[in-house]
Protein backbone atom coordinates (compact mmCIF):
# COMPACT_ATOMS: atom_id res chain seq x y z
CA UNK A 1 -19.19 -0.86 -11.33
CA UNK A 2 -19.48 -4.54 -12.12
CA UNK A 3 -19.02 -7.84 -10.33
CA UNK A 4 -15.58 -8.14 -11.88
CA UNK A 5 -14.50 -4.94 -10.07
CA UNK A 6 -15.29 -6.67 -6.77
CA UNK A 7 -13.92 -10.02 -7.95
CA UNK A 8 -17.05 -11.75 -6.73
CA UNK A 9 -17.27 -15.50 -6.85
CA UNK A 10 -19.81 -17.97 -5.51
CA UNK A 11 -19.57 -18.88 -1.85
CA UNK A 12 -21.48 -21.70 -0.26
CA UNK A 13 -22.24 -21.44 3.45
CA UNK A 14 -24.69 -23.52 5.47
CA UNK A 15 -24.50 -22.01 8.95
CA UNK A 16 -26.53 -18.83 9.53
CA UNK A 17 -23.63 -17.10 11.28
CA UNK A 18 -21.32 -17.68 8.31
CA UNK A 19 -23.98 -16.55 5.84
CA UNK A 20 -24.48 -13.30 7.78
CA UNK A 21 -20.71 -12.75 8.07
CA UNK A 22 -20.24 -13.31 4.34
CA UNK A 23 -23.08 -10.92 3.55
CA UNK A 24 -21.58 -8.28 5.86
CA UNK A 25 -18.17 -8.57 4.17
CA UNK A 26 -19.74 -8.28 0.72
CA UNK A 27 -21.70 -5.18 1.73
CA UNK A 28 -18.60 -3.62 3.29
CA UNK A 29 -16.65 -4.29 0.08
CA UNK A 30 -19.46 -2.75 -1.97
CA UNK A 31 -19.45 0.37 0.25
CA UNK A 32 -15.68 0.76 -0.09
CA UNK A 33 -15.91 0.34 -3.87
CA UNK A 34 -18.73 2.90 -4.10
CA UNK A 35 -16.64 5.46 -2.18
CA UNK A 36 -13.66 4.61 -4.40
CA UNK A 37 -15.83 4.99 -7.51
CA UNK A 38 -17.12 8.39 -6.31
CA UNK A 39 -13.59 9.47 -5.43
CA UNK A 40 -12.27 8.57 -8.89
CA UNK A 41 -15.17 9.92 -10.97
CA UNK A 42 -13.80 13.51 -11.18
CA UNK A 43 -10.44 12.25 -12.51
CA UNK A 44 -12.12 9.91 -15.02
CA UNK A 45 -10.61 6.66 -13.69
CA UNK A 46 -12.73 3.53 -13.35
CA UNK A 47 -12.58 1.50 -10.11
CA UNK A 48 -11.00 -1.40 -12.01
CA UNK A 49 -8.29 0.84 -13.44
CA UNK A 50 -7.76 2.42 -10.02
CA UNK A 51 -7.28 -0.98 -8.39
CA UNK A 52 -4.88 -2.00 -11.17
CA UNK A 53 -2.88 1.20 -10.62
CA UNK A 54 -2.73 0.69 -6.86
CA UNK A 55 -1.68 -2.95 -7.27
CA UNK A 56 1.24 -1.97 -9.47
CA UNK A 57 2.54 0.91 -7.34
CA UNK A 58 5.49 -0.54 -5.46
CA UNK A 59 7.91 0.77 -2.87
CA UNK A 60 10.46 -0.95 -0.71
CA UNK A 61 12.87 -0.96 2.19
CA UNK A 62 16.52 -1.93 1.87
CA UNK A 63 18.66 -2.78 4.89
CA UNK A 64 22.32 -2.07 4.21
CA UNK A 65 24.79 -2.65 7.04
CA UNK A 66 22.18 -1.98 9.70
CA UNK A 67 20.76 1.15 8.08
CA UNK A 68 17.31 0.96 6.49
CA UNK A 69 16.66 2.99 3.37
CA UNK A 70 13.20 3.63 1.96
CA UNK A 71 12.73 3.33 -1.79
CA UNK A 72 9.81 5.61 -2.62
CA UNK A 73 7.36 4.57 -5.32
CA UNK A 74 7.48 6.11 -8.76
CA UNK A 75 3.97 7.44 -9.22
CA UNK A 76 2.32 7.18 -12.60
CA UNK A 77 0.01 9.99 -13.70
CA UNK A 78 -2.95 7.78 -12.70
CA UNK A 79 -1.50 7.22 -9.21
CA UNK A 80 -0.91 10.94 -8.81
CA UNK A 81 -4.54 11.62 -9.83
CA UNK A 82 -5.79 9.01 -7.32
CA UNK A 83 -3.58 10.46 -4.57
CA UNK A 84 -4.74 14.03 -5.29
CA UNK A 85 -8.40 12.96 -5.38
CA UNK A 86 -8.02 11.13 -2.06
CA UNK A 87 -6.30 14.15 -0.45
CA UNK A 88 -9.10 16.44 -1.66
CA UNK A 89 -11.78 14.06 -0.42
CA UNK A 90 -10.12 13.70 3.00
CA UNK A 91 -9.75 17.48 3.33
CA UNK A 92 -13.41 18.14 2.54
CA UNK A 93 -15.12 15.16 4.21
CA UNK A 94 -16.10 14.82 7.82
CA UNK A 95 -14.26 12.04 9.66
CA UNK A 96 -15.97 8.72 10.19
CA UNK A 97 -17.12 8.24 13.73
CA UNK A 98 -16.70 4.80 15.23
CA UNK A 99 -18.48 4.18 18.51
């Protein structure tokens, strides 16, 4: 994983509270990316490629005469691999506990 995967850029804060908040957000983003990287490793997809795939998977809702219709996304093979890997991870991982 590289800085470009996180899209890191310089940030300039002067107040301690803002510095701590920025640091917390960066660490949270790093944790999410590490989980994503671990999740994608078995299907041989890099985090950058995974993000690109997720960004380009679109779906929509169409309202026609008061009835809403869902337009499901057309999954690429990469999106299917990501979805399957996520389902496997969720099925085998213990839930996160928030207290």
